[in-house]
Amino acid sequence: MVISKHASARMQSRSIPLDVVMKVLEYGRDVHYSEAELVVVGRHEIRAARKYGLDLSDCAGVHV
C-alpha cells in the first residue's frame, strides 16, 4: 500500500500506526460525507469483530 506524504504526516501528528490504518480499511464501514468517502470503525464494528475473535479496540474512532 502506498501512503501519501499528507496521510503519513497526519498519521504521525495523530500517533496512528500503519497497522491501525490497515485494520480500519479492512474492517471499517464506508461512510459518505459531503463529497468525501470515509472508512470508520465504531462501537458496532468493534462489537461485531469480537464475535470472530478480532480485537479492533485500537481502531475506535479512527477515520480514514
Protein backbone atom coordinates (compact mmCIF):
# COMPACT_ATOMS: atom_id res chain seq x y z
CA MET A 1 0.00 0.00 0.00
CA VAL A 2 1.23 3.48 -0.85
CA ILE A 3 0.70 6.17 1.78
CA SER A 4 0.78 9.77 0.56
CA LYS A 5 3.01 12.34 2.25
CA HIS A 6 -0.11 14.09 3.54
CA ALA A 7 -1.52 10.89 5.05
CA SER A 8 1.84 10.00 6.57
CA ALA A 9 2.12 13.43 8.19
CA ARG A 10 -1.42 13.15 9.59
CA MET A 11 -0.74 9.67 10.93
CA GLN A 12 2.41 10.91 12.67
CA SER A 13 0.75 14.01 14.12
CA ARG A 14 -2.11 11.88 15.49
CA SER A 15 0.11 8.95 16.57
CA ILE A 16 -1.87 6.47 14.46
CA PRO A 17 0.24 3.45 13.45
CA LEU A 18 0.05 1.99 9.95
CA ASP A 19 -1.38 -1.31 11.23
CA VAL A 20 -4.37 0.57 12.69
CA VAL A 21 -4.98 2.33 9.36
CA MET A 22 -4.80 -1.03 7.59
CA LYS A 23 -7.32 -2.60 10.00
CA VAL A 24 -9.70 0.33 9.55
CA LEU A 25 -9.52 -0.02 5.77
CA GLU A 26 -10.06 -3.80 6.02
CA TYR A 27 -12.82 -3.97 8.63
CA GLY A 28 -14.36 -0.50 8.80
CA ARG A 29 -17.59 0.69 7.26
CA ASP A 30 -17.86 3.15 4.39
CA VAL A 31 -19.45 6.48 5.19
CA HIS A 32 -20.20 9.10 2.56
CA TYR A 33 -19.90 12.62 3.94
CA SER A 34 -20.43 15.56 1.64
CA GLU A 35 -18.15 14.68 -1.29
CA ALA A 36 -15.76 12.55 0.76
CA GLU A 37 -15.71 8.81 1.35
CA LEU A 38 -14.57 7.80 4.82
CA VAL A 39 -13.89 4.41 6.34
CA VAL A 40 -14.59 4.31 10.06
CA VAL A 41 -14.54 1.87 12.96
CA GLY A 42 -17.03 2.49 15.72
CA ARG A 43 -18.64 0.55 18.55
CA HIS A 44 -20.75 -1.55 16.20
CA GLU A 45 -17.77 -2.73 14.17
CA ILE A 46 -15.73 -3.44 17.31
CA ARG A 47 -18.57 -5.49 18.80
CA ALA A 48 -19.16 -7.41 15.56
CA ALA A 49 -15.44 -8.20 15.13
CA ARG A 50 -15.21 -9.54 18.68
CA LYS A 51 -17.59 -12.36 17.69
CA TYR A 52 -14.87 -13.54 15.28
CA GLY A 53 -12.02 -13.16 17.76
CA LEU A 54 -10.74 -9.92 16.24
CA ASP A 55 -9.83 -7.01 18.50
CA LEU A 56 -10.47 -3.65 16.84
CA SER A 57 -10.47 -1.63 20.06
CA ASP A 58 -7.31 0.23 18.98
CA CYS A 59 -9.23 1.43 15.90
CA ALA A 60 -12.09 3.06 17.83
CA GLY A 61 -12.92 6.45 16.39
CA VAL A 62 -10.31 6.32 13.63
CA HIS A 63 -11.48 7.76 10.30
CA VAL A 64 -9.54 7.09 7.11
